[in-house]
Amino acid sequence: MKKIISISLVCLCIAGLMTGCGKSLEADRDTVYIQKKGTVISAAIAELDKDYYEEEELKSYIEENVENYQKEHDKDSVKIDKFSVEDGKAELLIKYAGCEDYQEFNDVTLFSGTIPQALAAGYDFDADFTAVKDGKADGNAEKSKITDLDAKVIVLSEKVDVKVDGTITYVSSQYTSIKAKDMVSIQLPEEAEDGEESALVYVVYE
């Protein structure tokens, strides 16, 4: 769903979108926020061509997809927190019960857990890594050093910003840029997002 609404991205700042836990999510592009308690908040931002989309039609389409998913899972599995269209710009804020619901609803990879749990789940950390210190790149890091850690990791295959409840310590080097101590921007090319061989990005944090 998030990919469907995000037809063409715009630099639109959504300040203070509530995440349901007393915090806010600020986004200037599609963003995924993995919260400490396991819930996931996504902000989708798109510029819509009025020749093809009407607000009520799009709203009904989103609500229908959410309702269909809830029928097969749980009413709390996916919830729309906010949807609006103004001057051809759409904003969609969705809350997911966990990464599994986000994965299934959006048809992408999103894993959140410890590094040992990720290894047990089959993620091989086959990537070059960059160390992060105080929200900035701090040189290369060996894969073996990272896989020996008991830190938290997020693994995903999507062109989004990723926000965590913590401090990022390592990221896979390809397709990533560091925006803050708790946020990484991922710029996957289209060919790296499609199919079973989609590229995986690793975000390690404490």
N, C-alpha and C. Protein backbone atom coordinates (compact mmCIF):
# COMPACT_ATOMS: atom_id res chain seq x y z
N MET A 1 0.82 -1.20 0.00
CA MET A 1 0.00 0.00 0.00
C MET A 1 0.86 1.25 0.00
N LYS A 2 1.89 1.29 0.85
CA LYS A 2 2.69 2.49 0.94
C LYS A 2 3.38 2.78 -0.39
N LYS A 3 3.77 1.72 -1.10
CA LYS A 3 4.40 1.92 -2.40
C LYS A 3 3.39 2.41 -3.42
N ILE A 4 2.13 2.00 -3.29
CA ILE A 4 1.11 2.43 -4.22
C ILE A 4 0.83 3.92 -4.08
N ILE A 5 0.74 4.41 -2.85
CA ILE A 5 0.44 5.82 -2.66
C ILE A 5 1.65 6.69 -2.96
N SER A 6 2.86 6.17 -2.76
CA SER A 6 4.07 6.97 -2.98
C SER A 6 4.46 6.92 -4.45
N ILE A 7 3.64 7.50 -5.30
CA ILE A 7 3.86 7.44 -6.74
C ILE A 7 5.03 8.31 -7.14
N SER A 8 5.12 9.52 -6.61
CA SER A 8 6.30 10.35 -6.84
C SER A 8 6.54 11.15 -5.58
N LEU A 9 7.75 11.05 -5.04
CA LEU A 9 8.06 11.67 -3.76
C LEU A 9 8.30 13.15 -3.90
N VAL A 10 7.93 13.88 -2.87
CA VAL A 10 8.21 15.31 -2.82
C VAL A 10 8.90 15.60 -1.51
N CYS A 11 9.58 16.71 -1.42
CA CYS A 11 10.23 17.12 -0.17
C CYS A 11 9.20 17.88 0.64
N LEU A 12 8.43 17.15 1.41
CA LEU A 12 7.33 17.73 2.18
C LEU A 12 7.56 17.42 3.64
N CYS A 13 7.72 18.41 4.47
CA CYS A 13 8.01 18.19 5.88
C CYS A 13 6.71 18.03 6.65
N ILE A 14 6.58 16.89 7.35
CA ILE A 14 5.44 16.66 8.22
C ILE A 14 5.95 16.77 9.64
N ALA A 15 5.73 17.87 10.28
CA ALA A 15 6.28 18.09 11.62
C ALA A 15 5.26 17.67 12.67
N GLY A 16 5.73 16.83 13.61
CA GLY A 16 4.90 16.48 14.75
C GLY A 16 3.78 15.51 14.46
N LEU A 17 3.94 14.59 13.50
CA LEU A 17 2.94 13.54 13.32
C LEU A 17 3.00 12.62 14.54
N MET A 18 1.88 12.41 15.20
CA MET A 18 1.91 11.65 16.44
C MET A 18 2.05 10.16 16.16
N THR A 19 2.85 9.48 16.97
CA THR A 19 3.11 8.06 16.80
C THR A 19 2.36 7.20 17.80
N GLY A 20 1.58 7.78 18.65
CA GLY A 20 0.78 7.00 19.56
C GLY A 20 1.49 6.65 20.86
N CYS A 21 2.73 7.16 21.06
CA CYS A 21 3.42 6.84 22.31
C CYS A 21 4.01 8.09 22.93
N GLY A 22 3.45 9.25 22.55
CA GLY A 22 3.92 10.48 23.14
C GLY A 22 5.05 11.12 22.38
N LYS A 23 5.55 10.46 21.34
CA LYS A 23 6.63 11.01 20.54
C LYS A 23 6.08 11.46 19.20
N SER A 24 6.92 12.16 18.43
CA SER A 24 6.48 12.59 17.11
C SER A 24 7.46 12.09 16.07
N LEU A 25 6.98 12.00 14.85
CA LEU A 25 7.79 11.55 13.73
C LEU A 25 7.87 12.69 12.73
N GLU A 26 9.08 13.16 12.48
CA GLU A 26 9.28 14.21 11.50
C GLU A 26 9.87 13.58 10.25
N ALA A 27 9.25 13.81 9.09
CA ALA A 27 9.69 13.15 7.86
C ALA A 27 9.69 14.11 6.69
N ASP A 28 10.73 14.01 5.86
CA ASP A 28 10.73 14.77 4.61
C ASP A 28 10.70 13.82 3.41
N ARG A 29 10.56 12.52 3.68
CA ARG A 29 10.37 11.51 2.65
C ARG A 29 9.76 10.29 3.33
N ASP A 30 9.45 9.26 2.57
CA ASP A 30 8.89 8.06 3.17
C ASP A 30 9.79 7.58 4.31
N THR A 31 9.18 7.31 5.46
CA THR A 31 9.94 6.98 6.66
C THR A 31 9.31 5.81 7.39
N VAL A 32 10.18 4.93 7.90
CA VAL A 32 9.75 3.83 8.76
C VAL A 32 10.40 4.02 10.13
N TYR A 33 9.58 4.01 11.17
CA TYR A 33 10.06 4.21 12.53
C TYR A 33 9.78 2.95 13.32
N ILE A 34 10.84 2.24 13.71
CA ILE A 34 10.70 1.02 14.50
C ILE A 34 10.81 1.41 15.97
N GLN A 35 9.73 1.25 16.70
CA GLN A 35 9.69 1.68 18.09
C GLN A 35 10.22 0.61 19.04
N LYS A 36 10.60 1.03 20.22
CA LYS A 36 11.23 0.14 21.21
C LYS A 36 10.31 -1.02 21.56
N LYS A 37 9.03 -0.78 21.62
CA LYS A 37 8.10 -1.84 22.00
C LYS A 37 7.73 -2.77 20.84
N GLY A 38 8.31 -2.53 19.65
CA GLY A 38 8.09 -3.44 18.53
C GLY A 38 7.12 -2.97 17.48
N THR A 39 6.35 -1.94 17.80
CA THR A 39 5.42 -1.40 16.81
C THR A 39 6.18 -0.63 15.73
N VAL A 40 5.53 -0.46 14.59
CA VAL A 40 6.15 0.22 13.46
C VAL A 40 5.23 1.35 13.00
N ILE A 41 5.80 2.53 12.80
CA ILE A 41 5.07 3.66 12.25
C ILE A 41 5.65 3.98 10.88
N SER A 42 4.79 4.16 9.90
CA SER A 42 5.28 4.54 8.57
C SER A 42 4.62 5.83 8.13
N ALA A 43 5.42 6.72 7.56
CA ALA A 43 4.91 7.95 6.96
C ALA A 43 5.16 7.87 5.46
N ALA A 44 4.11 7.95 4.67
CA ALA A 44 4.23 7.93 3.22
C ALA A 44 3.86 9.31 2.69
N ILE A 45 4.69 9.82 1.82
CA ILE A 45 4.51 11.17 1.30
C ILE A 45 4.54 11.11 -0.22
N ALA A 46 3.54 11.69 -0.88
CA ALA A 46 3.49 11.60 -2.33
C ALA A 46 2.82 12.81 -2.95
N GLU A 47 3.20 13.11 -4.17
CA GLU A 47 2.55 14.15 -4.95
C GLU A 47 1.66 13.45 -5.97
N LEU A 48 0.38 13.76 -5.97
CA LEU A 48 -0.58 13.05 -6.79
C LEU A 48 -1.05 13.90 -7.96
N ASP A 49 -1.21 13.27 -9.10
CA ASP A 49 -1.73 13.92 -10.30
C ASP A 49 -3.25 13.93 -10.21
N LYS A 50 -3.85 15.08 -10.09
CA LYS A 50 -5.29 15.20 -9.92
C LYS A 50 -6.08 14.65 -11.10
N ASP A 51 -5.41 14.49 -12.25
CA ASP A 51 -6.10 13.92 -13.40
C ASP A 51 -6.40 12.45 -13.17
N TYR A 52 -5.69 11.82 -12.24
CA TYR A 52 -5.86 10.40 -12.02
C TYR A 52 -6.39 10.04 -10.64
N TYR A 53 -6.19 10.91 -9.66
CA TYR A 53 -6.56 10.57 -8.30
C TYR A 53 -7.43 11.65 -7.67
N GLU A 54 -8.47 11.21 -7.00
CA GLU A 54 -9.31 12.07 -6.18
C GLU A 54 -9.14 11.64 -4.74
N GLU A 55 -9.20 12.59 -3.84
CA GLU A 55 -8.93 12.30 -2.44
C GLU A 55 -9.85 11.21 -1.88
N GLU A 56 -11.15 11.33 -2.09
CA GLU A 56 -12.10 10.37 -1.55
C GLU A 56 -11.89 8.98 -2.15
N GLU A 57 -11.59 8.95 -3.44
CA GLU A 57 -11.35 7.66 -4.10
C GLU A 57 -10.11 6.98 -3.53
N LEU A 58 -9.05 7.77 -3.35
CA LEU A 58 -7.81 7.22 -2.81
C LEU A 58 -8.00 6.80 -1.36
N LYS A 59 -8.71 7.62 -0.59
CA LYS A 59 -8.98 7.29 0.80
C LYS A 59 -9.75 5.98 0.92
N SER A 60 -10.76 5.81 0.09
CA SER A 60 -11.55 4.58 0.11
C SER A 60 -10.71 3.37 -0.25
N TYR A 61 -9.81 3.56 -1.21
CA TYR A 61 -8.93 2.48 -1.64
C TYR A 61 -8.01 2.05 -0.51
N ILE A 62 -7.42 3.03 0.20
CA ILE A 62 -6.54 2.72 1.32
C ILE A 62 -7.31 2.03 2.44
N GLU A 63 -8.47 2.56 2.78
CA GLU A 63 -9.27 1.99 3.86
C GLU A 63 -9.71 0.57 3.53
N GLU A 64 -10.04 0.33 2.27
CA GLU A 64 -10.45 -1.01 1.85
C GLU A 64 -9.32 -2.02 2.03
N ASN A 65 -8.11 -1.61 1.64
CA ASN A 65 -6.96 -2.51 1.80
C ASN A 65 -6.65 -2.78 3.26
N VAL A 66 -6.76 -1.75 4.09
CA VAL A 66 -6.52 -1.92 5.51
C VAL A 66 -7.57 -2.85 6.13
N GLU A 67 -8.83 -2.62 5.79
CA GLU A 67 -9.91 -3.44 6.33
C GLU A 67 -9.78 -4.90 5.90
N ASN A 68 -9.39 -5.12 4.65
CA ASN A 68 -9.20 -6.50 4.18
C ASN A 68 -8.08 -7.19 4.94
N TYR A 69 -7.01 -6.45 5.22
CA TYR A 69 -5.90 -7.03 5.98
C TYR A 69 -6.34 -7.33 7.41
N GLN A 70 -7.09 -6.43 8.01
CA GLN A 70 -7.55 -6.63 9.38
C GLN A 70 -8.45 -7.86 9.50
N LYS A 71 -9.26 -8.12 8.49
CA LYS A 71 -10.15 -9.28 8.50
C LYS A 71 -9.37 -10.58 8.55
N GLU A 72 -8.20 -10.60 7.90
CA GLU A 72 -7.38 -11.80 7.86
C GLU A 72 -6.43 -11.91 9.04
N HIS A 73 -6.26 -10.83 9.77
CA HIS A 73 -5.31 -10.82 10.87
C HIS A 73 -5.97 -10.34 12.16
N ASP A 74 -5.83 -9.06 12.47
CA ASP A 74 -6.39 -8.52 13.71
C ASP A 74 -6.68 -7.05 13.48
N LYS A 75 -7.66 -6.50 14.17
CA LYS A 75 -8.01 -5.11 13.95
C LYS A 75 -6.90 -4.15 14.35
N ASP A 76 -5.98 -4.62 15.22
CA ASP A 76 -4.86 -3.77 15.63
C ASP A 76 -3.61 -4.02 14.80
N SER A 77 -3.68 -4.91 13.82
CA SER A 77 -2.49 -5.24 13.03
C SER A 77 -2.03 -4.06 12.18
N VAL A 78 -2.98 -3.34 11.60
CA VAL A 78 -2.70 -2.16 10.78
C VAL A 78 -3.77 -1.12 11.07
N LYS A 79 -3.33 0.11 11.34
CA LYS A 79 -4.29 1.20 11.61
C LYS A 79 -3.85 2.46 10.89
N ILE A 80 -4.80 3.16 10.31
CA ILE A 80 -4.52 4.46 9.70
C ILE A 80 -4.57 5.53 10.77
N ASP A 81 -3.47 6.22 11.00
CA ASP A 81 -3.44 7.31 11.98
C ASP A 81 -3.81 8.64 11.33
N LYS A 82 -3.41 8.81 10.07
CA LYS A 82 -3.70 10.07 9.39
C LYS A 82 -3.66 9.87 7.89
N PHE A 83 -4.62 10.49 7.20
CA PHE A 83 -4.56 10.55 5.74
C PHE A 83 -5.15 11.89 5.29
N SER A 84 -4.42 12.58 4.42
CA SER A 84 -4.93 13.84 3.90
C SER A 84 -4.31 14.13 2.54
N VAL A 85 -5.05 14.87 1.73
CA VAL A 85 -4.54 15.34 0.45
C VAL A 85 -4.79 16.84 0.39
N GLU A 86 -3.73 17.61 0.18
CA GLU A 86 -3.85 19.06 0.10
C GLU A 86 -2.94 19.58 -1.00
N ASP A 87 -3.53 20.32 -1.91
CA ASP A 87 -2.78 20.87 -3.04
C ASP A 87 -2.04 19.78 -3.81
N GLY A 88 -2.71 18.63 -3.96
CA GLY A 88 -2.13 17.53 -4.72
C GLY A 88 -1.07 16.74 -4.00
N LYS A 89 -0.86 17.04 -2.70
CA LYS A 89 0.14 16.32 -1.92
C LYS A 89 -0.54 15.44 -0.88
N ALA A 90 -0.20 14.17 -0.88
CA ALA A 90 -0.82 13.21 0.02
C ALA A 90 0.10 12.87 1.17
N GLU A 91 -0.48 12.74 2.35
CA GLU A 91 0.24 12.32 3.55
C GLU A 91 -0.51 11.14 4.16
N LEU A 92 0.21 10.06 4.40
CA LEU A 92 -0.40 8.87 4.99
C LEU A 92 0.46 8.38 6.14
N LEU A 93 -0.14 8.27 7.32
CA LEU A 93 0.56 7.77 8.50
C LEU A 93 -0.14 6.50 8.96
N ILE A 94 0.60 5.39 9.00
CA ILE A 94 0.03 4.10 9.37
C ILE A 94 0.81 3.50 10.53
N LYS A 95 0.10 2.88 11.46
CA LYS A 95 0.72 2.18 12.57
C LYS A 95 0.51 0.68 12.41
N TYR A 96 1.59 -0.08 12.58
CA TYR A 96 1.56 -1.53 12.46
C TYR A 96 1.87 -2.16 13.82
N ALA A 97 1.25 -3.30 14.09
CA ALA A 97 1.48 -3.98 15.36
C ALA A 97 2.91 -4.48 15.47
N GLY A 98 3.54 -4.78 14.34
CA GLY A 98 4.92 -5.27 14.36
C GLY A 98 5.49 -5.36 12.96
N CYS A 99 6.73 -5.78 12.87
CA CYS A 99 7.41 -5.86 11.58
C CYS A 99 6.76 -6.87 10.65
N GLU A 100 6.23 -7.96 11.23
CA GLU A 100 5.60 -8.97 10.38
C GLU A 100 4.43 -8.39 9.61
N ASP A 101 3.63 -7.58 10.29
CA ASP A 101 2.48 -6.96 9.61
C ASP A 101 2.95 -5.97 8.56
N TYR A 102 4.00 -5.20 8.87
CA TYR A 102 4.53 -4.26 7.88
C TYR A 102 5.03 -5.01 6.65
N GLN A 103 5.77 -6.09 6.87
CA GLN A 103 6.29 -6.88 5.76
C GLN A 103 5.18 -7.38 4.85
N GLU A 104 4.19 -8.00 5.46
CA GLU A 104 3.12 -8.62 4.68
C GLU A 104 2.26 -7.59 3.97
N PHE A 105 1.93 -6.52 4.68
CA PHE A 105 1.06 -5.50 4.10
C PHE A 105 1.72 -4.79 2.93
N ASN A 106 3.03 -4.54 3.03
CA ASN A 106 3.74 -3.77 2.01
C ASN A 106 4.55 -4.62 1.04
N ASP A 107 4.63 -5.93 1.29
CA ASP A 107 5.36 -6.86 0.43
C ASP A 107 6.83 -6.46 0.31
N VAL A 108 7.47 -6.20 1.45
CA VAL A 108 8.90 -5.88 1.51
C VAL A 108 9.51 -6.66 2.68
N THR A 109 10.83 -6.61 2.80
CA THR A 109 11.51 -7.21 3.94
C THR A 109 11.69 -6.18 5.04
N LEU A 110 11.29 -6.53 6.25
CA LEU A 110 11.57 -5.70 7.42
C LEU A 110 11.72 -6.61 8.62
N PHE A 111 12.94 -6.77 9.09
CA PHE A 111 13.23 -7.58 10.27
C PHE A 111 13.76 -6.67 11.37
N SER A 112 13.34 -6.95 12.61
CA SER A 112 13.84 -6.21 13.76
C SER A 112 14.07 -7.19 14.90
N GLY A 113 15.29 -7.18 15.44
CA GLY A 113 15.62 -8.08 16.54
C GLY A 113 17.08 -7.92 16.88
N THR A 114 17.66 -8.91 17.57
CA THR A 114 19.08 -8.88 17.87
C THR A 114 19.86 -9.49 16.71
N ILE A 115 21.16 -9.24 16.68
CA ILE A 115 21.99 -9.82 15.63
C ILE A 115 21.96 -11.35 15.68
N PRO A 116 22.07 -12.00 16.86
CA PRO A 116 21.94 -13.46 16.88
C PRO A 116 20.59 -13.94 16.32
N GLN A 117 19.51 -13.22 16.61
CA GLN A 117 18.20 -13.60 16.06
C GLN A 117 18.16 -13.44 14.55
N ALA A 118 18.81 -12.38 14.04
CA ALA A 118 18.85 -12.17 12.60
C ALA A 118 19.64 -13.28 11.91
N LEU A 119 20.77 -13.67 12.50
CA LEU A 119 21.57 -14.76 11.93
C LEU A 119 20.77 -16.07 11.94
N ALA A 120 20.05 -16.32 13.02
CA ALA A 120 19.24 -17.53 13.11
C ALA A 120 18.11 -17.53 12.09
N ALA A 121 17.64 -16.34 11.73
CA ALA A 121 16.56 -16.21 10.75
C ALA A 121 17.07 -16.31 9.31
N GLY A 122 18.38 -16.41 9.14
CA GLY A 122 18.94 -16.60 7.81
C GLY A 122 19.58 -15.39 7.17
N TYR A 123 19.63 -14.28 7.87
CA TYR A 123 20.29 -13.08 7.32
C TYR A 123 21.79 -13.23 7.51
N ASP A 124 22.55 -13.16 6.43
CA ASP A 124 23.97 -13.50 6.49
C ASP A 124 24.90 -12.29 6.64
N PHE A 125 24.36 -11.09 6.67
CA PHE A 125 25.16 -9.88 6.83
C PHE A 125 26.25 -9.78 5.76
N ASP A 126 25.92 -10.25 4.57
CA ASP A 126 26.87 -10.23 3.46
C ASP A 126 26.89 -8.85 2.84
N ALA A 127 27.62 -7.95 3.47
CA ALA A 127 27.68 -6.55 3.03
C ALA A 127 28.92 -5.89 3.58
N ASP A 128 29.30 -4.77 2.98
CA ASP A 128 30.33 -3.91 3.56
C ASP A 128 29.65 -3.01 4.59
N PHE A 129 30.37 -2.73 5.68
CA PHE A 129 29.75 -1.96 6.75
C PHE A 129 30.55 -0.70 7.07
N THR A 130 29.79 0.32 7.53
CA THR A 130 30.37 1.59 7.97
C THR A 130 30.08 1.76 9.45
N ALA A 131 31.09 2.11 10.22
CA ALA A 131 30.88 2.44 11.63
C ALA A 131 30.27 3.84 11.73
N VAL A 132 29.45 4.04 12.74
CA VAL A 132 28.78 5.34 12.95
C VAL A 132 29.09 5.82 14.36
N LYS A 133 29.51 7.07 14.45
CA LYS A 133 29.80 7.68 15.75
C LYS A 133 29.23 9.08 15.79
N ASP A 134 28.42 9.35 16.79
CA ASP A 134 27.79 10.67 16.94
C ASP A 134 27.03 11.09 15.69
N GLY A 135 26.38 10.14 15.06
CA GLY A 135 25.55 10.44 13.90
C GLY A 135 26.31 10.69 12.62
N LYS A 136 27.59 10.27 12.57
CA LYS A 136 28.40 10.48 11.37
C LYS A 136 29.20 9.22 11.05
N ALA A 137 29.52 9.04 9.77
CA ALA A 137 30.33 7.90 9.35
C ALA A 137 31.70 7.98 10.02
N ASP A 138 32.19 6.80 10.46
CA ASP A 138 33.46 6.77 11.19
C ASP A 138 34.35 5.63 10.68
N GLY A 139 34.41 5.47 9.36
CA GLY A 139 35.28 4.47 8.78
C GLY A 139 34.62 3.13 8.55
N ASN A 140 35.36 2.23 7.92
CA ASN A 140 34.84 0.89 7.61
C ASN A 140 34.85 0.00 8.85
N ALA A 141 34.01 -1.04 8.81
CA ALA A 141 33.92 -1.99 9.91
C ALA A 141 33.89 -3.41 9.34
N GLU A 142 34.54 -4.34 10.02
CA GLU A 142 34.57 -5.73 9.58
C GLU A 142 33.25 -6.43 9.90
N LYS A 143 32.78 -7.22 8.94
CA LYS A 143 31.55 -8.00 9.14
C LYS A 143 31.67 -8.90 10.37
N SER A 144 32.84 -9.53 10.56
CA SER A 144 33.02 -10.46 11.67
C SER A 144 32.86 -9.77 13.03
N LYS A 145 33.26 -8.51 13.10
CA LYS A 145 33.12 -7.75 14.34
C LYS A 145 31.66 -7.50 14.66
N ILE A 146 30.88 -7.26 13.62
CA ILE A 146 29.45 -6.94 13.80
C ILE A 146 28.66 -8.19 14.15
N THR A 147 28.91 -9.30 13.47
CA THR A 147 28.13 -10.51 13.71
C THR A 147 28.42 -11.13 15.07
N ASP A 148 29.49 -10.70 15.73
CA ASP A 148 29.79 -11.18 17.08
C ASP A 148 29.08 -10.36 18.16
N LEU A 149 28.44 -9.28 17.75
CA LEU A 149 27.76 -8.42 18.72
C LEU A 149 26.39 -8.97 19.11
N ASP A 150 25.88 -8.52 20.24
CA ASP A 150 24.52 -8.86 20.67
C ASP A 150 23.62 -7.63 20.57
N ALA A 151 23.98 -6.73 19.65
CA ALA A 151 23.23 -5.48 19.48
C ALA A 151 21.94 -5.73 18.70
N LYS A 152 21.11 -4.70 18.60
CA LYS A 152 19.88 -4.77 17.82
C LYS A 152 20.18 -4.47 16.36
N VAL A 153 19.39 -5.02 15.48
CA VAL A 153 19.57 -4.78 14.04
C VAL A 153 18.23 -4.73 13.34
N ILE A 154 18.16 -3.87 12.35
CA ILE A 154 17.01 -3.81 11.44
C ILE A 154 17.51 -4.19 10.06
N VAL A 155 16.79 -5.07 9.39
CA VAL A 155 17.12 -5.49 8.03
C VAL A 155 15.93 -5.15 7.15
N LEU A 156 16.16 -4.44 6.06
CA LEU A 156 15.04 -4.07 5.21
C LEU A 156 15.47 -3.92 3.76
N SER A 157 14.47 -3.90 2.89
CA SER A 157 14.70 -3.82 1.45
C SER A 157 13.76 -2.77 0.85
N GLU A 158 13.99 -1.53 1.20
CA GLU A 158 13.06 -0.49 0.77
C GLU A 158 13.76 0.87 0.75
N LYS A 159 13.34 1.72 -0.18
CA LYS A 159 13.90 3.07 -0.30
C LYS A 159 13.14 4.01 0.63
N VAL A 160 13.62 4.10 1.89
CA VAL A 160 12.97 4.90 2.92
C VAL A 160 14.02 5.46 3.86
N ASP A 161 13.60 6.37 4.73
CA ASP A 161 14.39 6.72 5.90
C ASP A 161 14.00 5.77 7.02
N VAL A 162 14.98 5.39 7.85
CA VAL A 162 14.72 4.47 8.95
C VAL A 162 15.08 5.17 10.26
N LYS A 163 14.11 5.24 11.16
CA LYS A 163 14.32 5.84 12.49
C LYS A 163 14.22 4.74 13.54
N VAL A 164 15.14 4.78 14.52
CA VAL A 164 15.15 3.78 15.58
C VAL A 164 15.05 4.44 16.94
N ASP A 165 14.63 3.66 17.94
CA ASP A 165 14.67 4.11 19.33
C ASP A 165 16.02 3.69 19.90
N GLY A 166 17.05 4.47 19.63
CA GLY A 166 18.38 4.13 20.09
C GLY A 166 19.43 4.91 19.31
N THR A 167 20.67 4.45 19.39
CA THR A 167 21.79 5.11 18.71
C THR A 167 22.39 4.15 17.69
N ILE A 168 22.44 4.57 16.45
CA ILE A 168 22.97 3.73 15.38
C ILE A 168 24.49 3.64 15.51
N THR A 169 25.02 2.40 15.39
CA THR A 169 26.46 2.17 15.54
C THR A 169 27.12 1.68 14.25
N TYR A 170 26.35 0.97 13.42
CA TYR A 170 26.87 0.48 12.13
C TYR A 170 25.73 0.45 11.12
N VAL A 171 26.09 0.66 9.85
CA VAL A 171 25.13 0.47 8.76
C VAL A 171 25.85 -0.20 7.61
N SER A 172 25.11 -0.98 6.82
CA SER A 172 25.72 -1.49 5.61
C SER A 172 25.99 -0.31 4.69
N SER A 173 27.14 -0.32 4.03
CA SER A 173 27.63 0.88 3.35
C SER A 173 26.86 1.23 2.09
N GLN A 174 26.47 0.22 1.32
CA GLN A 174 25.84 0.48 0.03
C GLN A 174 24.42 1.03 0.21
N TYR A 175 24.09 2.07 -0.53
CA TYR A 175 22.76 2.68 -0.60
C TYR A 175 22.37 3.49 0.64
N THR A 176 23.26 3.68 1.61
CA THR A 176 22.87 4.37 2.83
C THR A 176 23.62 5.67 3.04
N SER A 177 22.94 6.60 3.71
CA SER A 177 23.58 7.82 4.20
C SER A 177 23.00 8.10 5.59
N ILE A 178 23.83 8.61 6.47
CA ILE A 178 23.44 8.80 7.87
C ILE A 178 22.88 10.21 8.04
N LYS A 179 21.66 10.30 8.57
CA LYS A 179 21.00 11.60 8.75
C LYS A 179 21.11 12.11 10.18
N ALA A 180 21.16 11.19 11.14
CA ALA A 180 21.22 11.57 12.55
C ALA A 180 21.64 10.36 13.36
N LYS A 181 21.80 10.54 14.68
CA LYS A 181 22.20 9.42 15.53
C LYS A 181 21.20 8.28 15.49
N ASP A 182 19.94 8.61 15.18
CA ASP A 182 18.89 7.59 15.20
C ASP A 182 18.20 7.42 13.85
N MET A 183 18.82 7.93 12.77
CA MET A 183 18.14 7.85 11.47
C MET A 183 19.13 7.64 10.33
N VAL A 184 18.76 6.74 9.43
CA VAL A 184 19.54 6.45 8.23
C VAL A 184 18.62 6.60 7.02
N SER A 185 19.17 7.16 5.94
CA SER A 185 18.42 7.30 4.70
C SER A 185 18.89 6.23 3.72
N ILE A 186 17.95 5.52 3.13
CA ILE A 186 18.26 4.45 2.18
C ILE A 186 17.82 4.87 0.79
N GLN A 187 18.71 4.76 -0.17
CA GLN A 187 18.43 5.17 -1.55
C GLN A 187 18.65 3.98 -2.47
N LEU A 188 17.72 3.03 -2.44
CA LEU A 188 17.82 1.87 -3.31
C LEU A 188 17.40 2.23 -4.73
N PRO A 189 18.16 1.83 -5.75
CA PRO A 189 17.67 1.98 -7.12
C PRO A 189 16.52 1.01 -7.35
N GLU A 190 15.67 1.31 -8.32
CA GLU A 190 14.48 0.48 -8.54
C GLU A 190 14.83 -0.98 -8.75
N GLU A 191 15.90 -1.25 -9.50
CA GLU A 191 16.23 -2.65 -9.78
C GLU A 191 16.66 -3.40 -8.53
N ALA A 192 17.09 -2.66 -7.50
CA ALA A 192 17.50 -3.31 -6.25
C ALA A 192 16.33 -3.54 -5.31
N GLU A 193 15.17 -2.98 -5.62
CA GLU A 193 13.99 -3.15 -4.77
C GLU A 193 13.09 -4.28 -5.24
N ASP A 194 13.24 -4.70 -6.49
CA ASP A 194 12.30 -5.63 -7.09
C ASP A 194 12.79 -7.07 -7.00
N GLY A 195 11.81 -7.97 -6.89
CA GLY A 195 12.10 -9.39 -7.00
C GLY A 195 12.70 -9.99 -5.74
N GLU A 196 12.91 -11.31 -5.79
CA GLU A 196 13.42 -12.04 -4.66
C GLU A 196 14.86 -11.67 -4.33
N GLU A 197 15.58 -11.15 -5.32
CA GLU A 197 16.98 -10.81 -5.11
C GLU A 197 17.15 -9.35 -4.68
N SER A 198 16.13 -8.78 -4.08
CA SER A 198 16.20 -7.38 -3.68
C SER A 198 17.33 -7.18 -2.67
N ALA A 199 17.97 -6.01 -2.73
CA ALA A 199 19.09 -5.71 -1.86
C ALA A 199 18.62 -5.54 -0.42
N LEU A 200 19.43 -6.02 0.52
CA LEU A 200 19.12 -5.87 1.93
C LEU A 200 20.05 -4.84 2.55
N VAL A 201 19.48 -3.98 3.40
CA VAL A 201 20.23 -2.97 4.12
C VAL A 201 20.17 -3.33 5.60
N TYR A 202 21.32 -3.22 6.29
CA TYR A 202 21.42 -3.54 7.71
C TYR A 202 21.67 -2.27 8.51
N VAL A 203 20.91 -2.08 9.57
CA VAL A 203 21.09 -0.95 10.49
C VAL A 203 21.26 -1.51 11.89
N VAL A 204 22.46 -1.35 12.46
CA VAL A 204 22.77 -1.88 13.78
C VAL A 204 22.73 -0.72 14.78
N TYR A 205 22.10 -0.95 15.93
CA TYR A 205 21.97 0.13 16.91
C TYR A 205 21.92 -0.42 18.33
N GLU A 206 22.10 0.49 19.27
CA GLU A 206 22.06 0.12 20.70
C GLU A 206 21.00 0.94 21.40
